[in-house]
Amino acid sequence: YILEQLKGLGVPLVVLPQNTSVQEVMSFQPRLILLSNGPGDPRNYKQQIETVRDLLKQTTPIRGICLGHQLL
């Protein structure tokens, strides 16, 4: 449902899997990084937390929904 709402805004949207590297994310030159919702306890996402930590070192704004917000 969230993806459909974002698509409805008509802005460019790239959806990447949770194990995407910082380099690959940044290769798209995003204007905004949105960390989406997902199942599970954020404490179980150690590698993703490291990736988020590295993404925060970039200049691109980051927002999160549900689990994405918890990872931030």
PDB file of N, CA and C in Angstrom:
ATOM      1  N   TYR A   1       0.817  -1.195   0.000  1.00  0.00           N
ATOM      2  CA  TYR A   1       0.000   0.000   0.000  1.00  0.00           C
ATOM      3  C   TYR A   1       0.862   1.261   0.000  1.00  0.00           C
ATOM      4  N   ILE A   2       1.950   1.243   0.774  1.00  0.00           N
ATOM      5  CA  ILE A   2       2.837   2.407   0.830  1.00  0.00           C
ATOM      6  C   ILE A   2       3.446   2.673  -0.537  1.00  0.00           C
ATOM      7  N   LEU A   3       3.917   1.621  -1.202  1.00  0.00           N
ATOM      8  CA  LEU A   3       4.500   1.793  -2.537  1.00  0.00           C
ATOM      9  C   LEU A   3       3.490   2.374  -3.518  1.00  0.00           C
ATOM     10  N   GLU A   4       2.272   1.906  -3.448  1.00  0.00           N
ATOM     11  CA  GLU A   4       1.238   2.421  -4.351  1.00  0.00           C
ATOM     12  C   GLU A   4       0.999   3.912  -4.110  1.00  0.00           C
ATOM     13  N   GLN A   5       0.999   4.302  -2.864  1.00  0.00           N
ATOM     14  CA  GLN A   5       0.811   5.720  -2.544  1.00  0.00           C
ATOM     15  C   GLN A   5       1.966   6.558  -3.082  1.00  0.00           C
ATOM     16  N   LEU A   6       3.184   6.064  -2.919  1.00  0.00           N
ATOM     17  CA  LEU A   6       4.347   6.792  -3.422  1.00  0.00           C
ATOM     18  C   LEU A   6       4.340   6.864  -4.945  1.00  0.00           C
ATOM     19  N   LYS A   7       3.999   5.772  -5.589  1.00  0.00           N
ATOM     20  CA  LYS A   7       3.914   5.764  -7.050  1.00  0.00           C
ATOM     21  C   LYS A   7       2.863   6.771  -7.523  1.00  0.00           C
ATOM     22  N   GLY A   8       1.788   6.892  -6.772  1.00  0.00           N
ATOM     23  CA  GLY A   8       0.722   7.814  -7.131  1.00  0.00           C
ATOM     24  C   GLY A   8       1.149   9.269  -7.099  1.00  0.00           C
ATOM     25  N   LEU A   9       2.230   9.576  -6.402  1.00  0.00           N
ATOM     26  CA  LEU A   9       2.734  10.942  -6.354  1.00  0.00           C
ATOM     27  C   LEU A   9       3.441  11.336  -7.647  1.00  0.00           C
ATOM     28  N   GLY A  10       3.811  10.327  -8.437  1.00  0.00           N
ATOM     29  CA  GLY A  10       4.438  10.605  -9.724  1.00  0.00           C
ATOM     30  C   GLY A  10       5.910  10.955  -9.663  1.00  0.00           C
ATOM     31  N   VAL A  11       6.548  10.704  -8.542  1.00  0.00           N
ATOM     32  CA  VAL A  11       7.984  10.980  -8.439  1.00  0.00           C
ATOM     33  C   VAL A  11       8.769   9.719  -8.802  1.00  0.00           C
ATOM     34  N   PRO A  12      10.007   9.875  -9.268  1.00  0.00           N
ATOM     35  CA  PRO A  12      10.810   8.692  -9.580  1.00  0.00           C
ATOM     36  C   PRO A  12      11.000   7.840  -8.329  1.00  0.00           C
ATOM     37  N   LEU A  13      10.884   6.541  -8.493  1.00  0.00           N
ATOM     38  CA  LEU A  13      10.950   5.629  -7.350  1.00  0.00           C
ATOM     39  C   LEU A  13      11.764   4.405  -7.747  1.00  0.00           C
ATOM     40  N   VAL A  14      12.757   4.086  -6.922  1.00  0.00           N
ATOM     41  CA  VAL A  14      13.552   2.883  -7.114  1.00  0.00           C
ATOM     42  C   VAL A  14      13.416   2.061  -5.841  1.00  0.00           C
ATOM     43  N   VAL A  15      13.049   0.806  -5.970  1.00  0.00           N
ATOM     44  CA  VAL A  15      12.886  -0.077  -4.815  1.00  0.00           C
ATOM     45  C   VAL A  15      14.070  -1.048  -4.811  1.00  0.00           C
ATOM     46  N   LEU A  16      14.773  -1.097  -3.677  1.00  0.00           N
ATOM     47  CA  LEU A  16      15.950  -1.949  -3.542  1.00  0.00           C
ATOM     48  C   LEU A  16      15.767  -2.919  -2.379  1.00  0.00           C
ATOM     49  N   PRO A  17      16.388  -4.092  -2.439  1.00  0.00           N
ATOM     50  CA  PRO A  17      16.280  -5.044  -1.336  1.00  0.00           C
ATOM     51  C   PRO A  17      17.071  -4.582  -0.106  1.00  0.00           C
ATOM     52  N   GLN A  18      16.750  -5.182   1.017  1.00  0.00           N
ATOM     53  CA  GLN A  18      17.346  -4.778   2.292  1.00  0.00           C
ATOM     54  C   GLN A  18      18.843  -5.042   2.392  1.00  0.00           C
ATOM     55  N   ASN A  19      19.405  -5.813   1.481  1.00  0.00           N
ATOM     56  CA  ASN A  19      20.839  -6.097   1.550  1.00  0.00           C
ATOM     57  C   ASN A  19      21.641  -5.314   0.505  1.00  0.00           C
ATOM     58  N   THR A  20      21.095  -4.211   0.016  1.00  0.00           N
ATOM     59  CA  THR A  20      21.772  -3.379  -0.971  1.00  0.00           C
ATOM     60  C   THR A  20      22.888  -2.588  -0.298  1.00  0.00           C
ATOM     61  N   SER A  21      24.027  -2.492  -0.974  1.00  0.00           N
ATOM     62  CA  SER A  21      25.171  -1.765  -0.416  1.00  0.00           C
ATOM     63  C   SER A  21      24.959  -0.259  -0.507  1.00  0.00           C
ATOM     64  N   VAL A  22      25.696   0.471   0.314  1.00  0.00           N
ATOM     65  CA  VAL A  22      25.652   1.932   0.283  1.00  0.00           C
ATOM     66  C   VAL A  22      26.053   2.431  -1.101  1.00  0.00           C
ATOM     67  N   GLN A  23      27.078   1.821  -1.684  1.00  0.00           N
ATOM     68  CA  GLN A  23      27.562   2.249  -2.989  1.00  0.00           C
ATOM     69  C   GLN A  23      26.459   2.097  -4.054  1.00  0.00           C
ATOM     70  N   GLU A  24      25.731   0.987  -3.993  1.00  0.00           N
ATOM     71  CA  GLU A  24      24.666   0.789  -4.979  1.00  0.00           C
ATOM     72  C   GLU A  24      23.525   1.776  -4.761  1.00  0.00           C
ATOM     73  N   VAL A  25      23.151   2.000  -3.509  1.00  0.00           N
ATOM     74  CA  VAL A  25      22.099   2.984  -3.221  1.00  0.00           C
ATOM     75  C   VAL A  25      22.505   4.342  -3.794  1.00  0.00           C
ATOM     76  N   MET A  26      23.724   4.753  -3.502  1.00  0.00           N
ATOM     77  CA  MET A  26      24.173   6.072  -3.922  1.00  0.00           C
ATOM     78  C   MET A  26      24.390   6.166  -5.431  1.00  0.00           C
ATOM     79  N   SER A  27      24.551   5.032  -6.102  1.00  0.00           N
ATOM     80  CA  SER A  27      24.728   5.056  -7.562  1.00  0.00           C
ATOM     81  C   SER A  27      23.485   5.585  -8.275  1.00  0.00           C
ATOM     82  N   PHE A  28      22.346   5.556  -7.611  1.00  0.00           N
ATOM     83  CA  PHE A  28      21.111   6.084  -8.183  1.00  0.00           C
ATOM     84  C   PHE A  28      20.963   7.592  -7.961  1.00  0.00           C
ATOM     85  N   GLN A  29      21.906   8.182  -7.247  1.00  0.00           N
ATOM     86  CA  GLN A  29      21.876   9.608  -6.918  1.00  0.00           C
ATOM     87  C   GLN A  29      20.509  10.017  -6.362  1.00  0.00           C
ATOM     88  N   PRO A  30      20.099   9.375  -5.279  1.00  0.00           N
ATOM     89  CA  PRO A  30      18.759   9.646  -4.740  1.00  0.00           C
ATOM     90  C   PRO A  30      18.640  11.045  -4.155  1.00  0.00           C
ATOM     91  N   ARG A  31      17.440  11.585  -4.268  1.00  0.00           N
ATOM     92  CA  ARG A  31      17.125  12.859  -3.617  1.00  0.00           C
ATOM     93  C   ARG A  31      16.669  12.630  -2.185  1.00  0.00           C
ATOM     94  N   LEU A  32      16.185  11.409  -1.926  1.00  0.00           N
ATOM     95  CA  LEU A  32      15.722  11.021  -0.600  1.00  0.00           C
ATOM     96  C   LEU A  32      15.845   9.504  -0.499  1.00  0.00           C
ATOM     97  N   ILE A  33      16.234   9.032   0.665  1.00  0.00           N
ATOM     98  CA  ILE A  33      16.263   7.591   0.933  1.00  0.00           C
ATOM     99  C   ILE A  33      15.165   7.313   1.945  1.00  0.00           C
ATOM    100  N   LEU A  34      14.269   6.404   1.591  1.00  0.00           N
ATOM    101  CA  LEU A  34      13.173   6.021   2.479  1.00  0.00           C
ATOM    102  C   LEU A  34      13.385   4.577   2.912  1.00  0.00           C
ATOM    103  N   LEU A  35      13.549   4.375   4.195  1.00  0.00           N
ATOM    104  CA  LEU A  35      13.674   3.026   4.756  1.00  0.00           C
ATOM    105  C   LEU A  35      12.272   2.570   5.124  1.00  0.00           C
ATOM    106  N   SER A  36      11.820   1.537   4.467  1.00  0.00           N
ATOM    107  CA  SER A  36      10.418   1.136   4.596  1.00  0.00           C
ATOM    108  C   SER A  36      10.163   0.258   5.815  1.00  0.00           C
ATOM    109  N   ASN A  37       8.909  -0.059   5.968  1.00  0.00           N
ATOM    110  CA  ASN A  37       8.486  -0.947   7.037  1.00  0.00           C
ATOM    111  C   ASN A  37       8.880  -2.381   6.703  1.00  0.00           C
ATOM    112  N   GLY A  38       8.832  -3.230   7.691  1.00  0.00           N
ATOM    113  CA  GLY A  38       9.173  -4.634   7.461  1.00  0.00           C
ATOM    114  C   GLY A  38       8.930  -5.426   8.730  1.00  0.00           C
ATOM    115  N   PRO A  39       8.996  -6.706   8.635  1.00  0.00           N
ATOM    116  CA  PRO A  39       8.754  -7.518   9.824  1.00  0.00           C
ATOM    117  C   PRO A  39      10.001  -7.617  10.700  1.00  0.00           C
ATOM    118  N   GLY A  40       9.776  -7.904  11.937  1.00  0.00           N
ATOM    119  CA  GLY A  40      10.881  -8.271  12.818  1.00  0.00           C
ATOM    120  C   GLY A  40      11.328  -7.208  13.789  1.00  0.00           C
ATOM    121  N   ASP A  41      12.270  -7.625  14.601  1.00  0.00           N
ATOM    122  CA  ASP A  41      12.863  -6.811  15.649  1.00  0.00           C
ATOM    123  C   ASP A  41      14.110  -6.132  15.087  1.00  0.00           C
ATOM    124  N   PRO A  42      14.226  -4.814  15.211  1.00  0.00           N
ATOM    125  CA  PRO A  42      15.383  -4.128  14.635  1.00  0.00           C
ATOM    126  C   PRO A  42      16.715  -4.629  15.196  1.00  0.00           C
ATOM    127  N   ARG A  43      16.724  -5.199  16.369  1.00  0.00           N
ATOM    128  CA  ARG A  43      17.975  -5.728  16.939  1.00  0.00           C
ATOM    129  C   ARG A  43      18.520  -6.890  16.123  1.00  0.00           C
ATOM    130  N   ASN A  44      17.675  -7.512  15.306  1.00  0.00           N
ATOM    131  CA  ASN A  44      18.105  -8.639  14.483  1.00  0.00           C
ATOM    132  C   ASN A  44      18.670  -8.206  13.135  1.00  0.00           C
ATOM    133  N   TYR A  45      18.758  -6.912  12.887  1.00  0.00           N
ATOM    134  CA  TYR A  45      19.204  -6.382  11.598  1.00  0.00           C
ATOM    135  C   TYR A  45      20.561  -5.690  11.737  1.00  0.00           C
ATOM    136  N   LYS A  46      21.530  -6.389  12.259  1.00  0.00           N
ATOM    137  CA  LYS A  46      22.846  -5.792  12.546  1.00  0.00           C
ATOM    138  C   LYS A  46      23.526  -5.250  11.288  1.00  0.00           C
ATOM    139  N   GLN A  47      23.535  -6.020  10.201  1.00  0.00           N
ATOM    140  CA  GLN A  47      24.171  -5.549   8.958  1.00  0.00           C
ATOM    141  C   GLN A  47      23.439  -4.337   8.396  1.00  0.00           C
ATOM    142  N   GLN A  48      22.124  -4.350   8.471  1.00  0.00           N
ATOM    143  CA  GLN A  48      21.355  -3.217   7.955  1.00  0.00           C
ATOM    144  C   GLN A  48      21.598  -1.964   8.793  1.00  0.00           C
ATOM    145  N   ILE A  49      21.781  -2.140  10.091  1.00  0.00           N
ATOM    146  CA  ILE A  49      22.093  -0.999  10.958  1.00  0.00           C
ATOM    147  C   ILE A  49      23.422  -0.385  10.547  1.00  0.00           C
ATOM    148  N   GLU A  50      24.399  -1.220  10.224  1.00  0.00           N
ATOM    149  CA  GLU A  50      25.694  -0.713   9.747  1.00  0.00           C
ATOM    150  C   GLU A  50      25.531   0.036   8.428  1.00  0.00           C
ATOM    151  N   THR A  51      24.708  -0.500   7.540  1.00  0.00           N
ATOM    152  CA  THR A  51      24.462   0.163   6.262  1.00  0.00           C
ATOM    153  C   THR A  51      23.790   1.513   6.492  1.00  0.00           C
ATOM    154  N   VAL A  52      22.796   1.553   7.362  1.00  0.00           N
ATOM    155  CA  VAL A  52      22.124   2.816   7.679  1.00  0.00           C
ATOM    156  C   VAL A  52      23.124   3.802   8.276  1.00  0.00           C
ATOM    157  N   ARG A  53      23.983   3.329   9.145  1.00  0.00           N
ATOM    158  CA  ARG A  53      25.015   4.196   9.752  1.00  0.00           C
ATOM    159  C   ARG A  53      25.878   4.823   8.651  1.00  0.00           C
ATOM    160  N   ASP A  54      26.257   4.026   7.658  1.00  0.00           N
ATOM    161  CA  ASP A  54      27.066   4.541   6.558  1.00  0.00           C
ATOM    162  C   ASP A  54      26.262   5.474   5.652  1.00  0.00           C
ATOM    163  N   LEU A  55      24.985   5.179   5.462  1.00  0.00           N
ATOM    164  CA  LEU A  55      24.140   6.075   4.667  1.00  0.00           C
ATOM    165  C   LEU A  55      23.999   7.438   5.344  1.00  0.00           C
ATOM    166  N   LEU A  56      23.973   7.447   6.660  1.00  0.00           N
ATOM    167  CA  LEU A  56      23.853   8.714   7.391  1.00  0.00           C
ATOM    168  C   LEU A  56      25.078   9.605   7.205  1.00  0.00           C
ATOM    169  N   LYS A  57      26.168   9.040   6.765  1.00  0.00           N
ATOM    170  CA  LYS A  57      27.385   9.824   6.500  1.00  0.00           C
ATOM    171  C   LYS A  57      27.305  10.550   5.156  1.00  0.00           C
ATOM    172  N   GLN A  58      26.325  10.211   4.351  1.00  0.00           N
ATOM    173  CA  GLN A  58      26.105  10.857   3.061  1.00  0.00           C
ATOM    174  C   GLN A  58      25.304  12.142   3.279  1.00  0.00           C
ATOM    175  N   THR A  59      25.126  12.898   2.235  1.00  0.00           N
ATOM    176  CA  THR A  59      24.371  14.156   2.366  1.00  0.00           C
ATOM    177  C   THR A  59      22.899  14.014   1.986  1.00  0.00           C
ATOM    178  N   THR A  60      22.490  12.828   1.549  1.00  0.00           N
ATOM    179  CA  THR A  60      21.108  12.597   1.133  1.00  0.00           C
ATOM    180  C   THR A  60      20.203  12.467   2.349  1.00  0.00           C
ATOM    181  N   PRO A  61      19.083  13.168   2.385  1.00  0.00           N
ATOM    182  CA  PRO A  61      18.139  13.019   3.506  1.00  0.00           C
ATOM    183  C   PRO A  61      17.598  11.587   3.570  1.00  0.00           C
ATOM    184  N   ILE A  62      17.363  11.124   4.796  1.00  0.00           N
ATOM    185  CA  ILE A  62      16.838   9.775   5.017  1.00  0.00           C
ATOM    186  C   ILE A  62      15.614   9.871   5.913  1.00  0.00           C
ATOM    187  N   ARG A  63      14.585   9.117   5.560  1.00  0.00           N
ATOM    188  CA  ARG A  63      13.373   9.002   6.366  1.00  0.00           C
ATOM    189  C   ARG A  63      13.067   7.528   6.538  1.00  0.00           C
ATOM    190  N   GLY A  64      12.333   7.193   7.582  1.00  0.00           N
ATOM    191  CA  GLY A  64      11.977   5.805   7.817  1.00  0.00           C
ATOM    192  C   GLY A  64      10.532   5.653   8.243  1.00  0.00           C
ATOM    193  N   ILE A  65       9.954   4.511   7.883  1.00  0.00           N
ATOM    194  CA  ILE A  65       8.602   4.146   8.287  1.00  0.00           C
ATOM    195  C   ILE A  65       8.704   2.867   9.099  1.00  0.00           C
ATOM    196  N   CYS A  66       8.101   2.850  10.266  1.00  0.00           N
ATOM    197  CA  CYS A  66       8.026   1.644  11.123  1.00  0.00           C
ATOM    198  C   CYS A  66       9.422   1.078  11.369  1.00  0.00           C
ATOM    199  N   LEU A  67       9.720  -0.118  10.859  1.00  0.00           N
ATOM    200  CA  LEU A  67      11.024  -0.735  11.082  1.00  0.00           C
ATOM    201  C   LEU A  67      12.139   0.168  10.556  1.00  0.00           C
ATOM    202  N   GLY A  68      11.910   0.793   9.407  1.00  0.00           N
ATOM    203  CA  GLY A  68      12.916   1.714   8.871  1.00  0.00           C
ATOM    204  C   GLY A  68      13.245   2.835   9.845  1.00  0.00           C
ATOM    205  N   HIS A  69      12.235   3.358  10.499  1.00  0.00           N
ATOM    206  CA  HIS A  69      12.439   4.398  11.497  1.00  0.00           C
ATOM    207  C   HIS A  69      13.203   3.847  12.696  1.00  0.00           C
ATOM    208  N   GLN A  70      12.889   2.640  13.099  1.00  0.00           N
ATOM    209  CA  GLN A  70      13.594   2.026  14.222  1.00  0.00           C
ATOM    210  C   GLN A  70      15.061   1.794  13.876  1.00  0.00           C
ATOM    211  N   LEU A  71      15.365   1.431  12.639  1.00  0.00           N
ATOM    212  CA  LEU A  71      16.752   1.239  12.241  1.00  0.00           C
ATOM    213  C   LEU A  71      17.522   2.553  12.284  1.00  0.00           C
ATOM    214  N   LEU A  72      16.849   3.644  11.945  1.00  0.00           N
ATOM    215  CA  LEU A  72      17.483   4.960  12.052  1.00  0.00           C
ATOM    216  C   LEU A  72      17.777   5.298  13.507  1.00  0.00           C
TER     217      LEU A  72
END
